[in-house]
Amino acid sequence: MLEIFMLYLSIPDRINFLQLGRYSRFGEQRFRRQFERGFDFFSFNRAMVSPYVGPRNAIAFDASFIHKSGKQTPGIGYFWSGCAGKALRGLEVLSLSLIDADTRMSFHLKATQTPPANCLTDNALSLPDWYAGVIKKDLVQITSLTSYLVADAYFSKRGFVDKVIAMNLHLVCKLRDDADLLYLSKKAPTGKKGRPSKYDGKVDPCNLHADYFHEVKNNQNIKAKAAVVYSKSLDRNILVIVEEFILKGKTTYRLLFSTDINQAPIDVIDIYHTRFQMEFGFRDAKQFAGLEHSQARSENKLDFHFNTALTTVNIAKVIQLKDETKRELPFSMKDTKVLFHNALLLMRFFSVFGNPPNSRKNQMYLQELLTFGAIAA
């Protein structure tokens, strides 16, 4: 595994079995066999990133489209591509990530390939049902880290929310702009016959009642107000935060919510906004760690490759965090790749020419050559 991670950090071109054999001291077949065996990426990533995650954290999950052609690839089908704005033929992976609302960082934990629509239909499952099953599979490790999940507006459905609550977890998510929300009545009982009124009118984001909603101070200069209200679609009381934005001269509103009505509203805001950091992890894995390069036709090998590519980004982040002089600098996956590629070439030169890298004569130029081409050297 150490050799594999080093190669994923070092190879500048496409990352597949042929390239791994070219750049390594091991043969191509050895990597093919190892990828078929599997590896516990969740436990590995959890142990690696836990020291760098604070108490205000959550498990974020989101899917990413993987370009893939061919008829023999397992799981190939039509999946939604956010970049293209339509469904394309290829693969999709669902990633579980640990996010930190204080440092605004996201760390990959585990990726699982999404089955195509016909497979879900044959098993009488919807896509949210399958996502909930993935979370339940790793529930023990998830609950040992946090009790909060965070996702985008697609998952603000009653069926999915009920499954999350049944796992003793809470969901931080976004509601539709036209969500039907009701104020909880504060009127005292009248003493008359019949049940007292439970609700006190519909919530209008453009005209919030000051008796119910209170302002939420934050460091992002966002106008936000919070209150506990009743959601008809979810059939439960939820904590709602209404954010107000002015885009192109027009006032718009975003409705965030948490199923934990006792959660601090500022935590809901920070956790939901940090969720987007997952997208940068997908971007770095695609551009620098070969997330879309695998040509394998085995489900186990594809799973191993997807997780290795995303875990490689974790390793690069931890390398920077361990260096106190670079901890506050912006993260650059490209600089890490340049550094490891240069180190791989230098070690090959020293090995071929028989010169020790730690000699006094070579030390004069070693550091310069290691950082050659790096932007933040």
Protein backbone atom coordinates (compact mmCIF):
# COMPACT_ATOMS: atom_id res chain seq x y z
CA MET A 1 0.00 0.00 0.00
CA LEU A 2 2.87 2.39 0.73
CA GLU A 3 4.26 1.75 -2.74
CA ILE A 4 0.84 2.35 -4.32
CA PHE A 5 0.27 5.65 -2.53
CA MET A 6 3.78 6.82 -3.41
CA LEU A 7 3.15 6.03 -7.07
CA TYR A 8 -0.21 7.81 -7.11
CA LEU A 9 1.56 10.88 -5.70
CA SER A 10 4.47 10.61 -8.15
CA ILE A 11 3.17 9.57 -11.58
CA PRO A 12 2.58 12.75 -13.64
CA ASP A 13 0.54 11.12 -16.43
CA ARG A 14 -2.32 8.64 -16.56
CA ILE A 15 -2.48 6.26 -13.59
CA ASN A 16 -3.34 2.70 -14.59
CA PHE A 17 -1.82 -0.76 -14.14
CA LEU A 18 0.60 -0.30 -17.05
CA GLN A 19 1.90 2.97 -15.63
CA LEU A 20 2.20 1.54 -12.11
CA GLY A 21 4.40 -1.23 -13.49
CA ARG A 22 6.55 1.25 -15.45
CA TYR A 23 7.27 3.55 -12.49
CA SER A 24 7.58 0.85 -9.82
CA ARG A 25 10.06 -1.84 -8.85
CA PHE A 26 7.14 -4.30 -8.94
CA GLY A 27 5.46 -5.80 -11.99
CA GLU A 28 2.08 -4.85 -13.41
CA GLN A 29 0.47 -8.16 -12.39
CA ARG A 30 1.31 -7.60 -8.75
CA PHE A 31 -0.77 -4.42 -8.74
CA ARG A 32 -3.65 -6.17 -10.51
CA ARG A 33 -3.73 -8.84 -7.81
CA GLN A 34 -3.50 -6.32 -4.97
CA PHE A 35 -6.35 -4.20 -6.34
CA GLU A 36 -8.58 -7.29 -6.39
CA ARG A 37 -7.94 -8.07 -2.70
CA GLY A 38 -9.28 -4.80 -1.29
CA PHE A 39 -8.32 -2.61 1.65
CA ASP A 40 -10.08 -1.01 4.66
CA PHE A 41 -9.93 2.60 3.46
CA PHE A 42 -12.44 3.89 6.02
CA SER A 43 -10.31 2.84 9.00
CA PHE A 44 -7.10 3.98 7.32
CA ASN A 45 -8.44 7.45 6.49
CA ARG A 46 -10.10 7.81 9.86
CA ALA A 47 -6.86 7.12 11.72
CA MET A 48 -4.90 9.45 9.42
CA VAL A 49 -7.16 12.54 9.51
CA SER A 50 -8.75 12.40 12.99
CA PRO A 51 -5.97 14.47 14.65
CA TYR A 52 -6.72 17.34 12.27
CA VAL A 53 -10.51 17.48 12.76
CA GLY A 54 -12.11 19.54 15.53
CA PRO A 55 -15.34 19.00 17.49
CA ARG A 56 -17.60 20.87 15.04
CA ASN A 57 -17.60 18.17 12.40
CA ALA A 58 -19.99 16.09 10.32
CA ILE A 59 -20.04 13.31 7.74
CA ALA A 60 -20.72 14.75 4.30
CA PHE A 61 -21.76 12.53 1.42
CA ASP A 62 -22.10 13.34 -2.25
CA ALA A 63 -21.82 11.58 -5.60
CA SER A 64 -19.48 12.38 -8.48
CA PHE A 65 -19.77 11.36 -12.12
CA ILE A 66 -16.87 9.33 -13.57
CA HIS A 67 -16.32 9.32 -17.34
CA LYS A 68 -16.00 5.72 -18.52
CA SER A 69 -16.59 4.01 -21.84
CA GLY A 70 -16.86 0.36 -22.81
CA LYS A 71 -19.56 -2.27 -22.60
CA GLN A 72 -17.93 -4.67 -20.11
CA THR A 73 -17.38 -2.21 -17.24
CA PRO A 74 -19.45 -3.26 -14.19
CA GLY A 75 -22.00 -0.68 -13.09
CA ILE A 76 -21.86 1.41 -16.25
CA GLY A 77 -25.02 3.35 -17.02
CA TYR A 78 -26.47 6.83 -17.22
CA PHE A 79 -25.78 9.13 -14.26
CA TRP A 80 -26.24 12.82 -13.62
CA SER A 81 -23.24 15.02 -14.41
CA GLY A 82 -23.30 18.40 -12.72
CA CYS A 83 -20.69 19.84 -15.10
CA ALA A 84 -22.65 18.81 -18.20
CA GLY A 85 -26.04 19.56 -16.64
CA LYS A 86 -27.50 16.29 -17.93
CA ALA A 87 -27.24 12.51 -17.55
CA LEU A 88 -24.23 10.94 -19.30
CA ARG A 89 -23.07 7.39 -19.83
CA GLY A 90 -20.38 6.42 -17.36
CA LEU A 91 -19.96 5.56 -13.66
CA GLU A 92 -20.78 7.26 -10.37
CA VAL A 93 -19.15 7.04 -6.95
CA LEU A 94 -20.68 8.06 -3.64
CA SER A 95 -18.07 9.46 -1.25
CA LEU A 96 -18.30 9.74 2.52
CA SER A 97 -16.11 12.56 3.85
CA LEU A 98 -15.32 13.99 7.27
CA ILE A 99 -15.60 17.79 7.28
CA ASP A 100 -14.40 20.30 9.86
CA ALA A 101 -16.50 23.48 10.16
CA ASP A 102 -13.67 25.37 11.89
CA THR A 103 -10.81 24.73 9.45
CA ARG A 104 -13.14 24.45 6.40
CA MET A 105 -11.47 21.22 5.32
CA SER A 106 -12.86 17.96 3.94
CA PHE A 107 -11.20 14.54 4.22
CA HIS A 108 -12.30 11.50 2.23
CA LEU A 109 -13.26 8.38 4.20
CA LYS A 110 -14.73 5.87 1.76
CA ALA A 111 -16.12 5.73 -1.78
CA THR A 112 -18.72 3.28 -3.08
CA GLN A 113 -19.73 2.79 -6.69
CA THR A 114 -23.38 3.58 -7.44
CA PRO A 115 -25.33 0.81 -9.22
CA PRO A 116 -27.17 1.75 -12.44
CA ALA A 117 -30.90 2.53 -12.45
CA ASN A 118 -31.97 -0.86 -13.84
CA CYS A 119 -30.17 -2.65 -11.00
CA LEU A 120 -31.95 -0.51 -8.39
CA THR A 121 -35.31 -1.11 -10.08
CA ASP A 122 -34.79 -4.87 -10.08
CA ASN A 123 -34.23 -4.74 -6.31
CA ALA A 124 -37.18 -2.37 -5.69
CA LEU A 125 -34.87 0.36 -4.40
CA SER A 126 -34.81 4.09 -5.02
CA LEU A 127 -31.53 6.00 -5.17
CA PRO A 128 -32.02 7.61 -1.71
CA ASP A 129 -32.77 4.13 -0.29
CA TRP A 130 -29.47 2.85 -1.65
CA TYR A 131 -27.60 5.88 -0.27
CA ALA A 132 -29.12 5.22 3.16
CA GLY A 133 -27.95 1.60 2.91
CA VAL A 134 -24.38 2.72 2.25
CA ILE A 135 -24.46 4.90 5.37
CA LYS A 136 -25.95 2.09 7.47
CA LYS A 137 -23.19 -0.28 6.35
CA ASP A 138 -20.55 1.92 8.03
CA LEU A 139 -22.81 3.19 10.82
CA VAL A 140 -20.58 1.97 13.67
CA GLN A 141 -17.56 3.90 12.41
CA ILE A 142 -19.66 6.96 11.51
CA THR A 143 -21.25 7.23 14.97
CA SER A 144 -17.80 6.95 16.56
CA LEU A 145 -16.88 10.18 14.76
CA THR A 146 -20.07 12.28 14.81
CA SER A 147 -23.85 12.17 14.99
CA TYR A 148 -24.43 14.58 12.07
CA LEU A 149 -24.75 13.97 8.35
CA VAL A 150 -24.77 16.79 5.80
CA ALA A 151 -26.02 16.61 2.21
CA ASP A 152 -27.49 18.75 -0.55
CA ALA A 153 -31.16 19.52 -1.20
CA TYR A 154 -31.74 16.26 -3.12
CA PHE A 155 -31.85 14.37 0.18
CA SER A 156 -34.49 16.54 1.89
CA LYS A 157 -37.07 13.80 1.39
CA ARG A 158 -39.14 12.27 4.17
CA GLY A 159 -38.20 8.68 3.34
CA PHE A 160 -34.50 9.41 3.54
CA VAL A 161 -34.78 11.64 6.62
CA ASP A 162 -36.77 8.95 8.48
CA LYS A 163 -34.06 6.38 7.71
CA VAL A 164 -31.36 8.75 9.03
CA ILE A 165 -33.31 9.40 12.24
CA ALA A 166 -33.79 5.63 12.69
CA MET A 167 -29.98 5.28 12.70
CA ASN A 168 -29.77 7.76 15.63
CA LEU A 169 -28.20 10.36 13.35
CA HIS A 170 -29.22 13.92 12.49
CA LEU A 171 -29.32 15.44 9.00
CA VAL A 172 -28.17 18.94 8.07
CA CYS A 173 -29.57 19.77 4.66
CA LYS A 174 -31.31 22.33 2.46
CA LEU A 175 -35.05 22.67 1.81
CA ARG A 176 -36.78 23.64 -1.41
CA ASP A 177 -37.51 27.36 -1.78
CA ASP A 178 -41.26 26.63 -1.70
CA ALA A 179 -41.14 24.36 1.36
CA ASP A 180 -44.37 24.34 3.39
CA LEU A 181 -43.38 25.36 6.93
CA LEU A 182 -45.66 26.28 9.86
CA TYR A 183 -45.01 28.31 12.99
CA LEU A 184 -45.45 26.45 16.27
CA SER A 185 -48.21 28.07 18.31
CA LYS A 186 -47.20 29.92 21.47
CA LYS A 187 -50.76 30.72 22.55
CA ALA A 188 -51.80 29.65 26.02
CA PRO A 189 -54.71 27.16 26.38
CA THR A 190 -58.11 28.92 26.39
CA GLY A 191 -59.83 26.38 28.62
CA LYS A 192 -62.47 25.73 25.96
CA LYS A 193 -63.34 22.33 24.55
CA GLY A 194 -61.16 20.86 21.84
CA ARG A 195 -57.42 20.57 21.28
CA PRO A 196 -55.48 23.85 21.41
CA SER A 197 -54.07 25.08 18.10
CA LYS A 198 -50.66 23.54 17.37
CA TYR A 199 -49.64 25.91 14.60
CA ASP A 200 -49.77 29.64 14.05
CA GLY A 201 -49.68 30.28 10.32
CA LYS A 202 -47.38 29.59 7.38
CA VAL A 203 -43.73 30.72 7.28
CA ASP A 204 -43.00 33.31 4.60
CA PRO A 205 -39.21 33.72 4.12
CA CYS A 206 -39.78 37.25 2.79
CA ASN A 207 -41.65 38.30 5.94
CA LEU A 208 -40.44 36.44 9.02
CA HIS A 209 -42.15 37.01 12.38
CA ALA A 210 -39.74 38.56 14.87
CA ASP A 211 -41.49 36.71 17.72
CA TYR A 212 -40.28 33.39 16.34
CA PHE A 213 -37.11 34.00 14.32
CA HIS A 214 -33.92 35.38 15.87
CA GLU A 215 -30.80 36.64 14.14
CA VAL A 216 -27.78 34.34 13.79
CA LYS A 217 -24.43 36.10 13.92
CA ASN A 218 -21.73 34.62 11.68
CA ASN A 219 -18.32 35.44 10.22
CA GLN A 220 -19.47 35.26 6.61
CA ASN A 221 -21.50 38.49 6.51
CA ILE A 222 -24.68 36.52 5.74
CA LYS A 223 -28.04 37.73 6.97
CA ALA A 224 -29.49 34.69 8.71
CA LYS A 225 -32.39 34.04 11.08
CA ALA A 226 -33.33 30.80 12.86
CA ALA A 227 -36.39 29.22 14.46
CA VAL A 228 -37.92 25.82 15.24
CA VAL A 229 -40.88 25.21 12.90
CA TYR A 230 -42.99 22.34 11.61
CA SER A 231 -42.28 20.88 8.16
CA LYS A 232 -45.25 19.32 6.38
CA SER A 233 -43.15 17.39 3.88
CA LEU A 234 -40.92 15.87 6.60
CA ASP A 235 -43.76 15.58 9.16
CA ARG A 236 -41.60 16.73 12.06
CA ASN A 237 -40.33 19.80 13.88
CA ILE A 238 -37.02 21.03 12.50
CA LEU A 239 -34.54 23.83 13.10
CA VAL A 240 -34.68 26.17 10.08
CA ILE A 241 -32.17 28.86 9.16
CA VAL A 242 -33.26 31.39 6.53
CA GLU A 243 -30.29 32.97 4.73
CA GLU A 244 -30.79 36.16 2.72
CA PHE A 245 -28.64 36.96 -0.32
CA ILE A 246 -28.66 39.73 -2.90
CA LEU A 247 -27.73 38.31 -6.32
CA LYS A 248 -27.75 40.55 -9.39
CA GLY A 249 -29.80 43.13 -7.53
CA LYS A 250 -32.46 40.58 -6.52
CA THR A 251 -33.06 39.30 -3.00
CA THR A 252 -33.06 35.51 -2.72
CA TYR A 253 -33.48 33.17 0.25
CA ARG A 254 -31.96 29.81 1.13
CA LEU A 255 -33.58 27.50 3.67
CA LEU A 256 -31.20 25.31 5.65
CA PHE A 257 -32.44 22.87 8.26
CA SER A 258 -31.34 20.39 10.88
CA THR A 259 -33.36 17.55 12.35
CA ASP A 260 -31.68 18.32 15.69
CA ILE A 261 -33.82 21.19 17.01
CA ASN A 262 -31.30 21.79 19.84
CA GLN A 263 -28.32 22.27 17.53
CA ALA A 264 -26.67 25.71 17.48
CA PRO A 265 -27.83 27.56 14.32
CA ILE A 266 -24.31 28.79 13.59
CA ASP A 267 -23.16 25.15 13.47
CA VAL A 268 -25.82 24.38 10.85
CA ILE A 269 -24.62 27.29 8.69
CA ASP A 270 -20.93 26.46 8.98
CA ILE A 271 -21.38 22.72 8.49
CA TYR A 272 -23.57 23.11 5.41
CA HIS A 273 -21.23 25.65 3.79
CA THR A 274 -18.20 23.44 4.47
CA ARG A 275 -19.89 20.56 2.65
CA PHE A 276 -18.88 22.12 -0.68
CA GLN A 277 -15.22 21.39 0.10
CA MET A 278 -15.95 17.83 -1.05
CA GLU A 279 -16.11 19.15 -4.62
CA PHE A 280 -12.49 20.31 -4.42
CA GLY A 281 -11.51 16.81 -3.31
CA PHE A 282 -13.19 15.33 -6.39
CA ARG A 283 -11.51 17.95 -8.58
CA ASP A 284 -8.02 17.24 -7.22
CA ALA A 285 -8.52 13.48 -7.47
CA LYS A 286 -9.62 13.78 -11.11
CA GLN A 287 -6.89 16.20 -12.17
CA PHE A 288 -3.93 14.85 -10.21
CA ALA A 289 -4.69 11.39 -8.79
CA GLY A 290 -6.16 9.63 -11.82
CA LEU A 291 -9.70 9.16 -10.47
CA GLU A 292 -11.03 8.69 -14.02
CA HIS A 293 -8.01 6.81 -15.43
CA SER A 294 -8.71 3.21 -14.42
CA GLN A 295 -9.26 0.77 -17.29
CA ALA A 296 -10.14 -2.17 -15.03
CA ARG A 297 -13.23 -4.30 -15.68
CA SER A 298 -13.53 -5.71 -12.18
CA GLU A 299 -15.81 -4.18 -9.56
CA ASN A 300 -13.24 -4.79 -6.80
CA LYS A 301 -10.43 -3.20 -8.80
CA LEU A 302 -12.52 -0.15 -9.65
CA ASP A 303 -13.50 0.27 -6.00
CA PHE A 304 -9.85 0.02 -4.94
CA HIS A 305 -8.78 2.58 -7.55
CA PHE A 306 -11.49 5.12 -6.69
CA ASN A 307 -10.66 4.97 -2.99
CA THR A 308 -6.91 5.11 -3.61
CA ALA A 309 -7.22 8.22 -5.78
CA LEU A 310 -9.35 10.06 -3.21
CA THR A 311 -7.17 8.88 -0.31
CA THR A 312 -4.09 10.20 -2.14
CA VAL A 313 -5.56 13.70 -1.85
CA ASN A 314 -5.96 13.10 1.91
CA ILE A 315 -2.29 12.14 2.19
CA ALA A 316 -1.22 15.30 0.37
CA LYS A 317 -3.32 17.43 2.75
CA VAL A 318 -1.91 15.72 5.84
CA ILE A 319 1.65 16.19 4.57
CA GLN A 320 1.02 19.94 4.41
CA LEU A 321 -0.74 20.03 7.80
CA LYS A 322 2.19 18.26 9.47
CA ASP A 323 4.54 21.04 8.27
CA GLU A 324 3.89 24.00 10.60
CA THR A 325 5.56 26.42 8.17
CA LYS A 326 3.04 25.51 5.42
CA ARG A 327 -0.06 24.76 7.51
CA GLU A 328 -1.66 28.16 6.85
CA LEU A 329 -0.86 28.22 3.12
CA PRO A 330 -3.50 27.35 0.51
CA PHE A 331 -3.50 23.64 -0.35
CA SER A 332 -1.98 22.78 -3.74
CA MET A 333 -2.21 19.20 -4.98
CA LYS A 334 -0.05 20.13 -7.97
CA ASP A 335 2.89 21.19 -5.77
CA THR A 336 2.73 17.89 -3.88
CA LYS A 337 2.74 15.94 -7.16
CA VAL A 338 5.76 17.92 -8.40
CA LEU A 339 7.62 17.28 -5.15
CA PHE A 340 7.01 13.52 -5.17
CA HIS A 341 7.75 13.21 -8.89
CA ASN A 342 11.07 14.99 -8.43
CA ALA A 343 11.88 12.77 -5.44
CA LEU A 344 11.11 9.64 -7.49
CA LEU A 345 13.44 10.78 -10.29
CA LEU A 346 16.22 11.72 -7.86
CA MET A 347 16.06 8.38 -6.07
CA ARG A 348 16.24 6.63 -9.45
CA PHE A 349 19.29 8.70 -10.41
CA PHE A 350 21.03 7.93 -7.11
CA SER A 351 20.17 4.24 -7.47
CA VAL A 352 21.50 4.00 -11.04
CA PHE A 353 24.69 6.02 -10.52
CA GLY A 354 25.42 4.60 -7.08
CA ASN A 355 25.75 7.97 -5.32
CA PRO A 356 24.35 8.26 -1.77
CA PRO A 357 21.68 11.01 -1.53
CA ASN A 358 22.75 12.04 1.98
CA SER A 359 26.38 12.83 1.18
CA ARG A 360 27.61 16.34 1.90
CA LYS A 361 28.32 16.95 -1.76
CA ASN A 362 24.83 16.02 -2.91
CA GLN A 363 23.03 17.85 -0.08
CA MET A 364 23.94 21.17 -1.67
CA TYR A 365 21.58 20.58 -4.57
CA LEU A 366 19.10 17.99 -3.26
CA GLN A 367 16.55 20.44 -1.80
CA GLU A 368 16.69 22.64 -4.90
CA LEU A 369 16.01 19.71 -7.20
CA LEU A 370 13.19 18.35 -5.01
CA THR A 371 11.21 21.60 -5.25
CA PHE A 372 12.06 22.25 -8.93
CA GLY A 373 8.87 23.34 -10.70
CA ALA A 374 6.77 23.76 -7.53
CA ILE A 375 4.76 26.97 -7.34
CA ALA A 376 5.04 27.50 -3.57
CA ALA A 377 8.63 26.23 -3.24
